[in-house]
């Protein structure tokens, strides 16, 4: 009986001999995998960004010690213990990028809400369009459908294109659509251009979201994200003032 038992356990011993090094390797590297997927600033070396580079997270691309990875994974995105040691040039550049995001998205609101405030001048007797409020309602009702679809598409495109190019290019294109709308006089052209405007409006928010995520660490991202939301109010304030004044003084085409 004593001779049979080892013979039966021989396959198990052989399998254990093969699996033991593999399990040891996986366990020893598991903290590194946790650290890379935990959202910690040191884990973002797989996707270089200005925020990572400024904080010295790309100093070495070799794996950290297992003990250090466990410590980093347990305290993700902790605030620096002392004062901000990031270079002043980086902080100034980051503020300029942040201001550009606010101004850029506020301009998206100007081109988005312009029709709402010039429509009274479009249906006025002297406009020469022979339109009524029902026609304006049809044009404006098409916008949310196209805008909702463009949010999804632009979010996917934001993963493949530079967010700066997407933000600036979308703003330039939607401004061109507004200019073409002012030069038109046909109801089908109005509908087509305003649908195009809705499709282009989706380029704004995903681009700003990606820029903010790249330039700001997670422990401070909420503050700057809430400040960026002021662009909605700035654009919502400027749109009726500018569009209404131009429609009153220069006509609805301007």
C-alpha atoms as a PDB file:
ATOM      1  CA  UNK A   1       0.000   0.000   0.000  1.00  0.00           C
ATOM      2  CA  UNK A   2       2.859   2.313   0.740  1.00  0.00           C
ATOM      3  CA  UNK A   3       4.281   1.696  -2.720  1.00  0.00           C
ATOM      4  CA  UNK A   4       0.938   2.357  -4.505  1.00  0.00           C
ATOM      5  CA  UNK A   5       0.237   5.748  -2.971  1.00  0.00           C
ATOM      6  CA  UNK A   6       3.326   7.520  -4.373  1.00  0.00           C
ATOM      7  CA  UNK A   7       2.620   6.018  -7.787  1.00  0.00           C
ATOM      8  CA  UNK A   8      -0.898   7.455  -7.746  1.00  0.00           C
ATOM      9  CA  UNK A   9       0.341  10.857  -6.665  1.00  0.00           C
ATOM     10  CA  UNK A  10       3.134  11.014  -9.203  1.00  0.00           C
ATOM     11  CA  UNK A  11       1.049  12.879 -11.848  1.00  0.00           C
ATOM     12  CA  UNK A  12      -0.111  15.391  -9.236  1.00  0.00           C
ATOM     13  CA  UNK A  13       3.449  15.978  -8.098  1.00  0.00           C
ATOM     14  CA  UNK A  14       4.573  16.523 -11.688  1.00  0.00           C
ATOM     15  CA  UNK A  15       1.733  18.976 -12.353  1.00  0.00           C
ATOM     16  CA  UNK A  16       2.496  20.845  -9.163  1.00  0.00           C
ATOM     17  CA  UNK A  17       6.155  21.062 -10.160  1.00  0.00           C
ATOM     18  CA  UNK A  18       5.115  22.759 -13.423  1.00  0.00           C
ATOM     19  CA  UNK A  19       2.469  25.044 -11.948  1.00  0.00           C
ATOM     20  CA  UNK A  20       4.431  26.231  -8.925  1.00  0.00           C
ATOM     21  CA  UNK A  21       6.837  28.517 -10.861  1.00  0.00           C
ATOM     22  CA  UNK A  22       3.936  29.933 -12.878  1.00  0.00           C
ATOM     23  CA  UNK A  23       1.882  30.716  -9.784  1.00  0.00           C
ATOM     24  CA  UNK A  24       4.916  32.256  -8.099  1.00  0.00           C
ATOM     25  CA  UNK A  25       5.500  34.527 -11.092  1.00  0.00           C
ATOM     26  CA  UNK A  26       1.854  35.638 -11.256  1.00  0.00           C
ATOM     27  CA  UNK A  27       1.673  36.373  -7.546  1.00  0.00           C
ATOM     28  CA  UNK A  28       4.941  38.293  -7.561  1.00  0.00           C
ATOM     29  CA  UNK A  29       3.771  40.459 -10.486  1.00  0.00           C
ATOM     30  CA  UNK A  30       0.182  40.942  -9.364  1.00  0.00           C
ATOM     31  CA  UNK A  31       0.864  44.213  -7.453  1.00  0.00           C
ATOM     32  CA  UNK A  32       2.289  45.741 -10.636  1.00  0.00           C
ATOM     33  CA  UNK A  33      -0.860  44.780 -12.530  1.00  0.00           C
ATOM     34  CA  UNK A  34      -3.037  46.245  -9.780  1.00  0.00           C
ATOM     35  CA  UNK A  35      -1.035  49.436  -9.768  1.00  0.00           C
ATOM     36  CA  UNK A  36      -1.349  49.864 -13.518  1.00  0.00           C
ATOM     37  CA  UNK A  37      -5.112  49.396 -13.443  1.00  0.00           C
ATOM     38  CA  UNK A  38      -5.821  51.304 -10.237  1.00  0.00           C
ATOM     39  CA  UNK A  39      -5.818  54.826 -11.644  1.00  0.00           C
ATOM     40  CA  UNK A  40      -2.773  55.885  -9.612  1.00  0.00           C
ATOM     41  CA  UNK A  41      -0.633  58.624 -11.230  1.00  0.00           C
ATOM     42  CA  UNK A  42       2.355  56.279 -11.268  1.00  0.00           C
ATOM     43  CA  UNK A  43       0.268  53.796 -13.239  1.00  0.00           C
ATOM     44  CA  UNK A  44      -0.256  56.147 -16.176  1.00  0.00           C
ATOM     45  CA  UNK A  45       3.197  55.486 -17.646  1.00  0.00           C
ATOM     46  CA  UNK A  46       1.461  53.286 -20.231  1.00  0.00           C
ATOM     47  CA  UNK A  47      -0.275  56.370 -21.655  1.00  0.00           C
ATOM     48  CA  UNK A  48       2.135  59.357 -21.463  1.00  0.00           C
ATOM     49  CA  UNK A  49       0.445  62.673 -20.786  1.00  0.00           C
ATOM     50  CA  UNK A  50       1.627  66.150 -19.717  1.00  0.00           C
ATOM     51  CA  UNK A  51       0.380  65.579 -16.181  1.00  0.00           C
ATOM     52  CA  UNK A  52       2.375  62.338 -15.850  1.00  0.00           C
ATOM     53  CA  UNK A  53       5.521  63.850 -17.298  1.00  0.00           C
ATOM     54  CA  UNK A  54       5.387  66.912 -15.043  1.00  0.00           C
ATOM     55  CA  UNK A  55       5.124  64.807 -11.899  1.00  0.00           C
ATOM     56  CA  UNK A  56       8.101  62.677 -12.864  1.00  0.00           C
ATOM     57  CA  UNK A  57       6.114  59.534 -13.433  1.00  0.00           C
ATOM     58  CA  UNK A  58       7.964  58.691 -16.634  1.00  0.00           C
ATOM     59  CA  UNK A  59      11.395  58.771 -15.087  1.00  0.00           C
ATOM     60  CA  UNK A  60      11.892  55.034 -15.498  1.00  0.00           C
ATOM     61  CA  UNK A  61       9.796  52.633 -17.494  1.00  0.00           C
ATOM     62  CA  UNK A  62      11.182  49.512 -15.842  1.00  0.00           C
ATOM     63  CA  UNK A  63       8.808  47.768 -13.380  1.00  0.00           C
ATOM     64  CA  UNK A  64       8.920  48.895  -9.757  1.00  0.00           C
ATOM     65  CA  UNK A  65       9.597  46.555  -6.880  1.00  0.00           C
ATOM     66  CA  UNK A  66       6.679  44.395  -5.821  1.00  0.00           C
ATOM     67  CA  UNK A  67       6.514  45.978  -2.362  1.00  0.00           C
ATOM     68  CA  UNK A  68       6.459  49.481  -3.809  1.00  0.00           C
ATOM     69  CA  UNK A  69       3.677  48.557  -6.228  1.00  0.00           C
ATOM     70  CA  UNK A  70       1.544  47.261  -3.371  1.00  0.00           C
ATOM     71  CA  UNK A  71       2.000  50.535  -1.542  1.00  0.00           C
ATOM     72  CA  UNK A  72       1.122  52.638  -4.580  1.00  0.00           C
ATOM     73  CA  UNK A  73      -1.952  50.558  -5.397  1.00  0.00           C
ATOM     74  CA  UNK A  74      -3.279  50.975  -1.860  1.00  0.00           C
ATOM     75  CA  UNK A  75      -3.148  54.790  -2.014  1.00  0.00           C
ATOM     76  CA  UNK A  76      -4.150  55.786  -5.561  1.00  0.00           C
ATOM     77  CA  UNK A  77      -3.762  59.405  -6.598  1.00  0.00           C
ATOM     78  CA  UNK A  78      -2.784  60.647  -3.146  1.00  0.00           C
ATOM     79  CA  UNK A  79      -1.992  64.342  -2.818  1.00  0.00           C
ATOM     80  CA  UNK A  80       1.662  65.345  -2.575  1.00  0.00           C
ATOM     81  CA  UNK A  81       2.785  65.492   1.046  1.00  0.00           C
ATOM     82  CA  UNK A  82       4.593  68.823   0.594  1.00  0.00           C
ATOM     83  CA  UNK A  83       4.002  71.826  -1.639  1.00  0.00           C
ATOM     84  CA  UNK A  84       3.496  71.592  -5.383  1.00  0.00           C
ATOM     85  CA  UNK A  85       6.892  70.734  -6.850  1.00  0.00           C
ATOM     86  CA  UNK A  86       5.801  70.712 -10.476  1.00  0.00           C
ATOM     87  CA  UNK A  87       7.639  73.090 -12.826  1.00  0.00           C
ATOM     88  CA  UNK A  88       6.126  76.593 -13.107  1.00  0.00           C
ATOM     89  CA  UNK A  89       6.303  76.368 -16.901  1.00  0.00           C
ATOM     90  CA  UNK A  90       4.049  73.329 -16.830  1.00  0.00           C
ATOM     91  CA  UNK A  91       1.568  74.992 -14.455  1.00  0.00           C
ATOM     92  CA  UNK A  92       1.388  78.103 -16.669  1.00  0.00           C
ATOM     93  CA  UNK A  93       0.909  76.013 -19.800  1.00  0.00           C
ATOM     94  CA  UNK A  94      -1.788  74.028 -18.052  1.00  0.00           C
ATOM     95  CA  UNK A  95      -3.695  77.193 -17.140  1.00  0.00           C
ATOM     96  CA  UNK A  96      -3.520  78.380 -20.744  1.00  0.00           C
ATOM     97  CA  UNK A  97      -4.891  75.055 -21.951  1.00  0.00           C
ATOM     98  CA  UNK A  98      -7.648  75.215 -19.334  1.00  0.00           C
ATOM     99  CA  UNK A  99      -8.615  78.761 -20.366  1.00  0.00           C
ATOM    100  CA  UNK A 100      -8.688  77.665 -24.000  1.00  0.00           C
ATOM    101  CA  UNK A 101     -11.099  74.860 -23.132  1.00  0.00           C
ATOM    102  CA  UNK A 102     -13.436  77.296 -21.368  1.00  0.00           C
ATOM    103  CA  UNK A 103     -13.390  79.863 -24.175  1.00  0.00           C
ATOM    104  CA  UNK A 104     -13.638  77.215 -26.890  1.00  0.00           C
ATOM    105  CA  UNK A 105     -16.642  75.450 -25.419  1.00  0.00           C
ATOM    106  CA  UNK A 106     -18.339  78.777 -24.659  1.00  0.00           C
ATOM    107  CA  UNK A 107     -18.030  79.559 -28.368  1.00  0.00           C
ATOM    108  CA  UNK A 108     -19.753  76.268 -29.118  1.00  0.00           C
ATOM    109  CA  UNK A 109     -22.727  77.616 -27.181  1.00  0.00           C
ATOM    110  CA  UNK A 110     -22.744  80.745 -29.344  1.00  0.00           C
ATOM    111  CA  UNK A 111     -23.077  78.737 -32.542  1.00  0.00           C
ATOM    112  CA  UNK A 112     -25.542  76.332 -30.897  1.00  0.00           C
ATOM    113  CA  UNK A 113     -28.096  78.815 -29.563  1.00  0.00           C
ATOM    114  CA  UNK A 114     -27.890  81.513 -32.218  1.00  0.00           C
ATOM    115  CA  UNK A 115     -31.029  80.375 -34.077  1.00  0.00           C
ATOM    116  CA  UNK A 116     -33.138  80.522 -30.926  1.00  0.00           C
ATOM    117  CA  UNK A 117     -32.578  84.251 -30.534  1.00  0.00           C
ATOM    118  CA  UNK A 118     -32.734  85.297 -34.200  1.00  0.00           C
ATOM    119  CA  UNK A 119     -35.882  83.344 -35.027  1.00  0.00           C
ATOM    120  CA  UNK A 120     -38.216  86.283 -34.121  1.00  0.00           C
ATOM    121  CA  UNK A 121     -36.449  88.336 -36.782  1.00  0.00           C
ATOM    122  CA  UNK A 122     -36.740  85.473 -39.293  1.00  0.00           C
ATOM    123  CA  UNK A 123     -40.530  85.248 -38.949  1.00  0.00           C
ATOM    124  CA  UNK A 124     -40.999  89.023 -38.957  1.00  0.00           C
ATOM    125  CA  UNK A 125     -42.934  90.438 -41.961  1.00  0.00           C
ATOM    126  CA  UNK A 126     -39.945  92.304 -43.355  1.00  0.00           C
ATOM    127  CA  UNK A 127     -37.511  89.390 -43.307  1.00  0.00           C
ATOM    128  CA  UNK A 128     -38.356  88.260 -46.848  1.00  0.00           C
ATOM    129  CA  UNK A 129     -38.410  84.556 -45.918  1.00  0.00           C
ATOM    130  CA  UNK A 130     -42.162  83.986 -45.664  1.00  0.00           C
ATOM    131  CA  UNK A 131     -41.618  81.650 -42.715  1.00  0.00           C
ATOM    132  CA  UNK A 132     -43.788  81.111 -39.668  1.00  0.00           C
ATOM    133  CA  UNK A 133     -43.014  79.891 -36.185  1.00  0.00           C
ATOM    134  CA  UNK A 134     -43.914  76.330 -37.155  1.00  0.00           C
ATOM    135  CA  UNK A 135     -41.120  76.249 -39.726  1.00  0.00           C
ATOM    136  CA  UNK A 136     -38.644  77.527 -37.142  1.00  0.00           C
ATOM    137  CA  UNK A 137     -39.845  74.847 -34.731  1.00  0.00           C
ATOM    138  CA  UNK A 138     -39.184  72.170 -37.335  1.00  0.00           C
ATOM    139  CA  UNK A 139     -35.634  73.400 -37.862  1.00  0.00           C
ATOM    140  CA  UNK A 140     -34.824  73.576 -34.172  1.00  0.00           C
ATOM    141  CA  UNK A 141     -36.377  70.174 -33.422  1.00  0.00           C
ATOM    142  CA  UNK A 142     -33.925  68.475 -35.781  1.00  0.00           C
ATOM    143  CA  UNK A 143     -30.956  69.813 -33.859  1.00  0.00           C
ATOM    144  CA  UNK A 144     -31.240  67.680 -30.655  1.00  0.00           C
ATOM    145  CA  UNK A 145     -31.486  64.473 -32.679  1.00  0.00           C
ATOM    146  CA  UNK A 146     -28.285  65.190 -34.581  1.00  0.00           C
ATOM    147  CA  UNK A 147     -26.538  66.522 -31.500  1.00  0.00           C
ATOM    148  CA  UNK A 148     -27.324  63.400 -29.491  1.00  0.00           C
ATOM    149  CA  UNK A 149     -25.977  61.146 -32.225  1.00  0.00           C
ATOM    150  CA  UNK A 150     -22.842  63.235 -32.621  1.00  0.00           C
ATOM    151  CA  UNK A 151     -21.979  62.932 -28.928  1.00  0.00           C
ATOM    152  CA  UNK A 152     -21.543  59.195 -29.283  1.00  0.00           C
ATOM    153  CA  UNK A 153     -19.643  59.390 -32.568  1.00  0.00           C
ATOM    154  CA  UNK A 154     -17.373  62.203 -31.395  1.00  0.00           C
ATOM    155  CA  UNK A 155     -16.568  60.332 -28.199  1.00  0.00           C
ATOM    156  CA  UNK A 156     -15.313  57.400 -30.272  1.00  0.00           C
ATOM    157  CA  UNK A 157     -13.377  59.685 -32.626  1.00  0.00           C
ATOM    158  CA  UNK A 158     -11.773  61.379 -29.622  1.00  0.00           C
ATOM    159  CA  UNK A 159      -9.876  58.142 -28.912  1.00  0.00           C
ATOM    160  CA  UNK A 160      -8.256  58.187 -32.356  1.00  0.00           C
ATOM    161  CA  UNK A 161      -7.632  61.894 -33.047  1.00  0.00           C
ATOM    162  CA  UNK A 162      -5.849  64.669 -31.231  1.00  0.00           C
ATOM    163  CA  UNK A 163      -8.417  66.373 -28.944  1.00  0.00           C
ATOM    164  CA  UNK A 164      -7.001  69.790 -29.775  1.00  0.00           C
ATOM    165  CA  UNK A 165      -7.572  69.197 -33.473  1.00  0.00           C
ATOM    166  CA  UNK A 166     -11.056  67.832 -32.835  1.00  0.00           C
ATOM    167  CA  UNK A 167     -12.010  70.768 -30.597  1.00  0.00           C
ATOM    168  CA  UNK A 168     -10.678  73.498 -32.895  1.00  0.00           C
ATOM    169  CA  UNK A 169     -11.768  71.795 -36.114  1.00  0.00           C
ATOM    170  CA  UNK A 170     -15.288  71.203 -34.833  1.00  0.00           C
ATOM    171  CA  UNK A 171     -15.601  74.816 -33.717  1.00  0.00           C
ATOM    172  CA  UNK A 172     -14.388  76.130 -37.075  1.00  0.00           C
ATOM    173  CA  UNK A 173     -16.763  73.821 -38.938  1.00  0.00           C
ATOM    174  CA  UNK A 174     -19.800  74.759 -36.838  1.00  0.00           C
ATOM    175  CA  UNK A 175     -18.977  78.459 -37.300  1.00  0.00           C
ATOM    176  CA  UNK A 176     -18.876  77.874 -41.061  1.00  0.00           C
ATOM    177  CA  UNK A 177     -22.264  76.163 -40.894  1.00  0.00           C
ATOM    178  CA  UNK A 178     -23.698  79.206 -39.094  1.00  0.00           C
ATOM    179  CA  UNK A 179     -22.304  81.551 -41.735  1.00  0.00           C
ATOM    180  CA  UNK A 180     -23.760  79.404 -44.507  1.00  0.00           C
ATOM    181  CA  UNK A 181     -27.105  79.397 -42.685  1.00  0.00           C
ATOM    182  CA  UNK A 182     -27.127  83.189 -42.716  1.00  0.00           C
ATOM    183  CA  UNK A 183     -26.474  83.241 -46.455  1.00  0.00           C
ATOM    184  CA  UNK A 184     -29.310  80.838 -47.265  1.00  0.00           C
ATOM    185  CA  UNK A 185     -33.009  81.447 -47.865  1.00  0.00           C
ATOM    186  CA  UNK A 186     -34.452  77.972 -48.524  1.00  0.00           C
ATOM    187  CA  UNK A 187     -36.231  75.838 -45.965  1.00  0.00           C
ATOM    188  CA  UNK A 188     -34.513  72.546 -47.009  1.00  0.00           C
ATOM    189  CA  UNK A 189     -31.121  74.232 -46.852  1.00  0.00           C
ATOM    190  CA  UNK A 190     -31.943  75.605 -43.407  1.00  0.00           C
ATOM    191  CA  UNK A 191     -32.809  72.114 -42.163  1.00  0.00           C
ATOM    192  CA  UNK A 192     -29.701  70.543 -43.687  1.00  0.00           C
ATOM    193  CA  UNK A 193     -27.315  73.151 -42.331  1.00  0.00           C
ATOM    194  CA  UNK A 194     -28.812  73.051 -38.836  1.00  0.00           C
ATOM    195  CA  UNK A 195     -28.584  69.262 -38.802  1.00  0.00           C
ATOM    196  CA  UNK A 196     -24.941  69.610 -39.814  1.00  0.00           C
ATOM    197  CA  UNK A 197     -24.475  72.106 -37.006  1.00  0.00           C
ATOM    198  CA  UNK A 198     -25.894  69.587 -34.541  1.00  0.00           C
ATOM    199  CA  UNK A 199     -23.517  66.888 -35.763  1.00  0.00           C
ATOM    200  CA  UNK A 200     -20.529  69.193 -35.363  1.00  0.00           C
ATOM    201  CA  UNK A 201     -21.504  70.330 -31.882  1.00  0.00           C
ATOM    202  CA  UNK A 202     -20.612  66.933 -30.441  1.00  0.00           C
ATOM    203  CA  UNK A 203     -16.907  67.574 -31.026  1.00  0.00           C
ATOM    204  CA  UNK A 204     -16.700  69.975 -28.097  1.00  0.00           C
ATOM    205  CA  UNK A 205     -17.416  68.101 -24.869  1.00  0.00           C
ATOM    206  CA  UNK A 206     -15.476  64.851 -25.556  1.00  0.00           C
ATOM    207  CA  UNK A 207     -12.397  66.822 -26.592  1.00  0.00           C
ATOM    208  CA  UNK A 208     -12.478  68.968 -23.459  1.00  0.00           C
ATOM    209  CA  UNK A 209     -12.979  65.881 -21.297  1.00  0.00           C
ATOM    210  CA  UNK A 210      -9.916  64.201 -22.755  1.00  0.00           C
ATOM    211  CA  UNK A 211      -7.790  67.336 -22.408  1.00  0.00           C
ATOM    212  CA  UNK A 212      -8.775  67.814 -18.763  1.00  0.00           C
ATOM    213  CA  UNK A 213      -8.080  64.172 -17.993  1.00  0.00           C
ATOM    214  CA  UNK A 214      -4.608  64.444 -19.536  1.00  0.00           C
ATOM    215  CA  UNK A 215      -3.505  67.670 -17.855  1.00  0.00           C
ATOM    216  CA  UNK A 216      -4.971  67.271 -14.371  1.00  0.00           C
ATOM    217  CA  UNK A 217      -4.447  64.501 -11.829  1.00  0.00           C
ATOM    218  CA  UNK A 218      -7.487  62.808 -10.340  1.00  0.00           C
ATOM    219  CA  UNK A 219      -7.133  64.415  -6.894  1.00  0.00           C
ATOM    220  CA  UNK A 220      -7.576  67.881  -8.456  1.00  0.00           C
ATOM    221  CA  UNK A 221      -9.628  67.014 -11.516  1.00  0.00           C
ATOM    222  CA  UNK A 222     -12.986  67.612  -9.830  1.00  0.00           C
ATOM    223  CA  UNK A 223     -12.105  71.235  -9.059  1.00  0.00           C
ATOM    224  CA  UNK A 224     -11.081  72.069 -12.585  1.00  0.00           C
ATOM    225  CA  UNK A 225     -13.946  70.093 -14.051  1.00  0.00           C
ATOM    226  CA  UNK A 226     -16.445  72.170 -12.078  1.00  0.00           C
ATOM    227  CA  UNK A 227     -14.683  75.356 -13.154  1.00  0.00           C
ATOM    228  CA  UNK A 228     -14.792  74.212 -16.770  1.00  0.00           C
ATOM    229  CA  UNK A 229     -18.572  73.862 -16.459  1.00  0.00           C
ATOM    230  CA  UNK A 230     -18.680  77.657 -16.210  1.00  0.00           C
ATOM    231  CA  UNK A 231     -18.220  77.686 -19.973  1.00  0.00           C
ATOM    232  CA  UNK A 232     -21.852  76.522 -20.281  1.00  0.00           C
ATOM    233  CA  UNK A 233     -23.001  79.590 -18.379  1.00  0.00           C
ATOM    234  CA  UNK A 234     -20.633  81.951 -20.165  1.00  0.00           C
ATOM    235  CA  UNK A 235     -21.820  80.756 -23.562  1.00  0.00           C
ATOM    236  CA  UNK A 236     -25.449  80.737 -22.435  1.00  0.00           C
ATOM    237  CA  UNK A 237     -25.060  84.357 -21.271  1.00  0.00           C
ATOM    238  CA  UNK A 238     -23.240  85.625 -24.358  1.00  0.00           C
ATOM    239  CA  UNK A 239     -25.458  83.922 -26.960  1.00  0.00           C
ATOM    240  CA  UNK A 240     -28.675  85.904 -26.402  1.00  0.00           C
ATOM    241  CA  UNK A 241     -26.803  89.183 -25.978  1.00  0.00           C
ATOM    242  CA  UNK A 242     -24.705  88.873 -29.116  1.00  0.00           C
ATOM    243  CA  UNK A 243     -27.211  87.097 -31.372  1.00  0.00           C
ATOM    244  CA  UNK A 244     -30.146  89.242 -30.278  1.00  0.00           C
ATOM    245  CA  UNK A 245     -28.213  92.491 -30.663  1.00  0.00           C
ATOM    246  CA  UNK A 246     -26.916  91.577 -34.124  1.00  0.00           C
ATOM    247  CA  UNK A 247     -30.386  90.477 -35.277  1.00  0.00           C
ATOM    248  CA  UNK A 248     -31.891  93.722 -34.031  1.00  0.00           C
ATOM    249  CA  UNK A 249     -29.244  96.060 -35.444  1.00  0.00           C
ATOM    250  CA  UNK A 250     -27.999  94.258 -38.548  1.00  0.00           C
ATOM    251  CA  UNK A 251     -30.721  91.746 -39.410  1.00  0.00           C
ATOM    252  CA  UNK A 252     -31.073  88.028 -38.791  1.00  0.00           C
ATOM    253  CA  UNK A 253     -28.429  87.068 -41.348  1.00  0.00           C
ATOM    254  CA  UNK A 254     -25.674  88.551 -39.194  1.00  0.00           C
END
